[in-house]
Amino acid sequence: MAVSYFAEDVKMPAIKKRETTDWIRRVASGYGKKCGDIAYIFCSDEKILEVNKAYLQHDYYTDVITFDYTEGDKIGVDTVRSNAEQFGTDYDEELHRIIIHGVLHLCGINDKGPGEREIMTRHENEALKLR
């Protein structure tokens, strides 16, 4: 059971892989989950748009797409950088928020229904405190 990190069309973000992997496992464990194989693919906005269209029939950019048991998380680093600027946060913090966002989806937390976005944000903030 491994957490892997890849870059496609972008430079690999400067994250501490071992520490991040340990953090991901701790967060998942807090939800009674055990990490299987997880692959993070950091990519350009164009690549994430391509994946959105091909697999989800969405014609828009997102910062993360999570596939359960298939391809892992695709993370659009361009959008992460834009989000950090928009929300006035540090890029590293926003990147880790997005990394854990996908794990929280795999733990059963959603963010599309009424009130769910606020619940997801609360769980993200709790996870970020564990870093």
C-alpha atoms as a PDB file:
ATOM      1  CA  MET A   1       0.000   0.000   0.000  1.00  0.00           C
ATOM      2  CA  ALA A   2       1.739   3.074  -1.265  1.00  0.00           C
ATOM      3  CA  VAL A   3       1.110   6.714  -1.919  1.00  0.00           C
ATOM      4  CA  SER A   4       2.773   7.796  -5.157  1.00  0.00           C
ATOM      5  CA  TYR A   5       3.342  11.256  -6.582  1.00  0.00           C
ATOM      6  CA  PHE A   6       3.714  12.068 -10.275  1.00  0.00           C
ATOM      7  CA  ALA A   7       3.883  15.214 -12.397  1.00  0.00           C
ATOM      8  CA  GLU A   8       2.393  15.457 -15.882  1.00  0.00           C
ATOM      9  CA  ASP A   9       2.923  18.606 -17.974  1.00  0.00           C
ATOM     10  CA  VAL A  10       4.090  20.538 -14.867  1.00  0.00           C
ATOM     11  CA  LYS A  11       7.023  20.649 -12.473  1.00  0.00           C
ATOM     12  CA  MET A  12       6.601  18.437  -9.409  1.00  0.00           C
ATOM     13  CA  PRO A  13       5.481  20.602  -6.473  1.00  0.00           C
ATOM     14  CA  ALA A  14       7.987  20.863  -3.643  1.00  0.00           C
ATOM     15  CA  ILE A  15       6.263  18.686  -1.073  1.00  0.00           C
ATOM     16  CA  LYS A  16       7.834  16.482   1.545  1.00  0.00           C
ATOM     17  CA  LYS A  17       6.570  13.170   0.225  1.00  0.00           C
ATOM     18  CA  ARG A  18       7.304  10.994   3.249  1.00  0.00           C
ATOM     19  CA  GLU A  19       5.765  13.487   5.697  1.00  0.00           C
ATOM     20  CA  THR A  20       2.775  14.060   3.411  1.00  0.00           C
ATOM     21  CA  THR A  21       2.202  10.319   3.046  1.00  0.00           C
ATOM     22  CA  ASP A  22       2.311   9.843   6.832  1.00  0.00           C
ATOM     23  CA  TRP A  23      -0.156  12.730   7.219  1.00  0.00           C
ATOM     24  CA  ILE A  24      -2.530  11.231   4.623  1.00  0.00           C
ATOM     25  CA  ARG A  25      -2.467   7.902   6.462  1.00  0.00           C
ATOM     26  CA  ARG A  26      -3.159   9.584   9.823  1.00  0.00           C
ATOM     27  CA  VAL A  27      -6.111  11.500   8.414  1.00  0.00           C
ATOM     28  CA  ALA A  28      -7.589   8.398   6.739  1.00  0.00           C
ATOM     29  CA  SER A  29      -7.098   6.448   9.976  1.00  0.00           C
ATOM     30  CA  GLY A  30      -9.064   9.115  11.831  1.00  0.00           C
ATOM     31  CA  TYR A  31     -12.027   8.191   9.625  1.00  0.00           C
ATOM     32  CA  GLY A  32     -11.552   4.478  10.250  1.00  0.00           C
ATOM     33  CA  LYS A  33      -9.991   3.981   6.812  1.00  0.00           C
ATOM     34  CA  LYS A  34      -6.779   2.313   5.810  1.00  0.00           C
ATOM     35  CA  CYS A  35      -4.884   3.675   2.809  1.00  0.00           C
ATOM     36  CA  GLY A  36      -4.596   1.428  -0.181  1.00  0.00           C
ATOM     37  CA  ASP A  37      -2.631   2.506  -3.207  1.00  0.00           C
ATOM     38  CA  ILE A  38      -3.115   6.211  -3.882  1.00  0.00           C
ATOM     39  CA  ALA A  39      -1.578   8.002  -6.853  1.00  0.00           C
ATOM     40  CA  TYR A  40      -1.442  11.784  -7.025  1.00  0.00           C
ATOM     41  CA  ILE A  41      -0.875  13.218 -10.473  1.00  0.00           C
ATOM     42  CA  PHE A  42      -0.014  16.906 -10.500  1.00  0.00           C
ATOM     43  CA  CYS A  43      -0.899  18.296 -13.902  1.00  0.00           C
ATOM     44  CA  SER A  44      -1.686  21.383 -15.936  1.00  0.00           C
ATOM     45  CA  ASP A  45      -5.133  22.943 -16.122  1.00  0.00           C
ATOM     46  CA  GLU A  46      -5.414  21.734 -19.718  1.00  0.00           C
ATOM     47  CA  LYS A  47      -4.810  18.127 -18.657  1.00  0.00           C
ATOM     48  CA  ILE A  48      -7.343  18.308 -15.818  1.00  0.00           C
ATOM     49  CA  LEU A  49      -9.882  19.823 -18.229  1.00  0.00           C
ATOM     50  CA  GLU A  50      -9.234  16.937 -20.621  1.00  0.00           C
ATOM     51  CA  VAL A  51      -9.834  14.409 -17.814  1.00  0.00           C
ATOM     52  CA  ASN A  52     -12.947  16.291 -16.671  1.00  0.00           C
ATOM     53  CA  LYS A  53     -14.391  16.122 -20.197  1.00  0.00           C
ATOM     54  CA  ALA A  54     -13.406  12.512 -20.878  1.00  0.00           C
ATOM     55  CA  TYR A  55     -14.460  10.911 -17.605  1.00  0.00           C
ATOM     56  CA  LEU A  56     -16.995  13.247 -16.019  1.00  0.00           C
ATOM     57  CA  GLN A  57     -18.484  15.113 -18.998  1.00  0.00           C
ATOM     58  CA  HIS A  58     -17.608  18.420 -17.266  1.00  0.00           C
ATOM     59  CA  ASP A  59     -16.366  21.243 -19.471  1.00  0.00           C
ATOM     60  CA  TYR A  60     -14.638  23.266 -16.751  1.00  0.00           C
ATOM     61  CA  TYR A  61     -11.439  23.444 -14.732  1.00  0.00           C
ATOM     62  CA  THR A  62     -11.191  22.012 -11.231  1.00  0.00           C
ATOM     63  CA  ASP A  63      -8.350  21.857  -8.739  1.00  0.00           C
ATOM     64  CA  VAL A  64      -8.739  18.139  -8.002  1.00  0.00           C
ATOM     65  CA  ILE A  65     -10.491  15.090  -9.438  1.00  0.00           C
ATOM     66  CA  THR A  66     -10.684  11.946  -7.327  1.00  0.00           C
ATOM     67  CA  PHE A  67     -11.250   8.534  -8.839  1.00  0.00           C
ATOM     68  CA  ASP A  68     -11.955   5.720  -6.430  1.00  0.00           C
ATOM     69  CA  TYR A  69      -9.958   2.536  -7.255  1.00  0.00           C
ATOM     70  CA  THR A  70      -8.930   3.709 -10.708  1.00  0.00           C
ATOM     71  CA  GLU A  71      -6.504   6.484 -11.447  1.00  0.00           C
ATOM     72  CA  GLY A  72      -5.932   8.298  -8.167  1.00  0.00           C
ATOM     73  CA  ASP A  73      -6.155  12.031  -7.730  1.00  0.00           C
ATOM     74  CA  LYS A  74      -5.458  14.443 -10.552  1.00  0.00           C
ATOM     75  CA  ILE A  75      -4.446  17.802  -9.164  1.00  0.00           C
ATOM     76  CA  GLY A  76      -4.375  20.898 -11.381  1.00  0.00           C
ATOM     77  CA  VAL A  77      -1.507  22.916  -9.938  1.00  0.00           C
ATOM     78  CA  ASP A  78      -2.383  25.978 -12.037  1.00  0.00           C
ATOM     79  CA  THR A  79      -5.805  26.158 -10.387  1.00  0.00           C
ATOM     80  CA  VAL A  80      -4.284  25.484  -6.955  1.00  0.00           C
ATOM     81  CA  ARG A  81      -2.001  28.497  -7.492  1.00  0.00           C
ATOM     82  CA  SER A  82      -4.964  30.639  -8.628  1.00  0.00           C
ATOM     83  CA  ASN A  83      -7.015  29.509  -5.616  1.00  0.00           C
ATOM     84  CA  ALA A  84      -4.184  30.415  -3.244  1.00  0.00           C
ATOM     85  CA  GLU A  85      -4.053  33.915  -4.740  1.00  0.00           C
ATOM     86  CA  GLN A  86      -7.835  34.290  -4.730  1.00  0.00           C
ATOM     87  CA  PHE A  87      -8.228  33.147  -1.125  1.00  0.00           C
ATOM     88  CA  GLY A  88      -5.092  34.933   0.107  1.00  0.00           C
ATOM     89  CA  THR A  89      -3.476  31.725   1.314  1.00  0.00           C
ATOM     90  CA  ASP A  90      -0.025  30.261   0.962  1.00  0.00           C
ATOM     91  CA  TYR A  91       0.440  28.000  -2.103  1.00  0.00           C
ATOM     92  CA  ASP A  92       1.815  25.173   0.068  1.00  0.00           C
ATOM     93  CA  GLU A  93      -1.213  25.284   2.362  1.00  0.00           C
ATOM     94  CA  GLU A  94      -3.622  25.301  -0.579  1.00  0.00           C
ATOM     95  CA  LEU A  95      -1.756  22.401  -2.200  1.00  0.00           C
ATOM     96  CA  HIS A  96      -2.021  20.321   0.979  1.00  0.00           C
ATOM     97  CA  ARG A  97      -5.709  21.286   1.309  1.00  0.00           C
ATOM     98  CA  ILE A  98      -6.306  19.859  -2.166  1.00  0.00           C
ATOM     99  CA  ILE A  99      -4.225  16.746  -1.464  1.00  0.00           C
ATOM    100  CA  ILE A 100      -6.330  15.944   1.602  1.00  0.00           C
ATOM    101  CA  HIS A 101      -9.577  16.984  -0.135  1.00  0.00           C
ATOM    102  CA  GLY A 102      -9.321  13.928  -2.382  1.00  0.00           C
ATOM    103  CA  VAL A 103      -8.641  11.647   0.595  1.00  0.00           C
ATOM    104  CA  LEU A 104     -11.664  13.077   2.406  1.00  0.00           C
ATOM    105  CA  HIS A 105     -13.811  12.222  -0.621  1.00  0.00           C
ATOM    106  CA  LEU A 106     -12.494   8.654  -0.407  1.00  0.00           C
ATOM    107  CA  CYS A 107     -13.454   8.688   3.284  1.00  0.00           C
ATOM    108  CA  GLY A 108     -17.046   9.491   2.309  1.00  0.00           C
ATOM    109  CA  ILE A 109     -17.210  13.273   2.737  1.00  0.00           C
ATOM    110  CA  ASN A 110     -18.981  15.099  -0.075  1.00  0.00           C
ATOM    111  CA  ASP A 111     -19.071  18.745  -1.070  1.00  0.00           C
ATOM    112  CA  LYS A 112     -21.737  19.143  -3.757  1.00  0.00           C
ATOM    113  CA  GLY A 113     -25.004  19.071  -1.800  1.00  0.00           C
ATOM    114  CA  PRO A 114     -26.564  21.780   0.366  1.00  0.00           C
ATOM    115  CA  GLY A 115     -24.288  22.590   3.307  1.00  0.00           C
ATOM    116  CA  GLU A 116     -21.729  19.950   2.331  1.00  0.00           C
ATOM    117  CA  ARG A 117     -19.082  22.445   1.184  1.00  0.00           C
ATOM    118  CA  GLU A 118     -18.913  23.920   4.686  1.00  0.00           C
ATOM    119  CA  ILE A 119     -18.620  20.432   6.196  1.00  0.00           C
ATOM    120  CA  MET A 120     -15.802  19.570   3.757  1.00  0.00           C
ATOM    121  CA  THR A 121     -13.963  22.804   4.606  1.00  0.00           C
ATOM    122  CA  ARG A 122     -14.220  22.019   8.321  1.00  0.00           C
ATOM    123  CA  HIS A 123     -12.757  18.553   7.754  1.00  0.00           C
ATOM    124  CA  GLU A 124      -9.992  20.024   5.558  1.00  0.00           C
ATOM    125  CA  ASN A 125      -9.096  22.535   8.270  1.00  0.00           C
ATOM    126  CA  GLU A 126      -9.011  19.795  10.923  1.00  0.00           C
ATOM    127  CA  ALA A 127      -6.740  17.690   8.694  1.00  0.00           C
ATOM    128  CA  LEU A 128      -4.431  20.623   7.995  1.00  0.00           C
ATOM    129  CA  LYS A 129      -3.910  21.084  11.733  1.00  0.00           C
ATOM    130  CA  LEU A 130      -2.511  17.534  11.864  1.00  0.00           C
ATOM    131  CA  ARG A 131       0.344  18.351   9.472  1.00  0.00           C
END
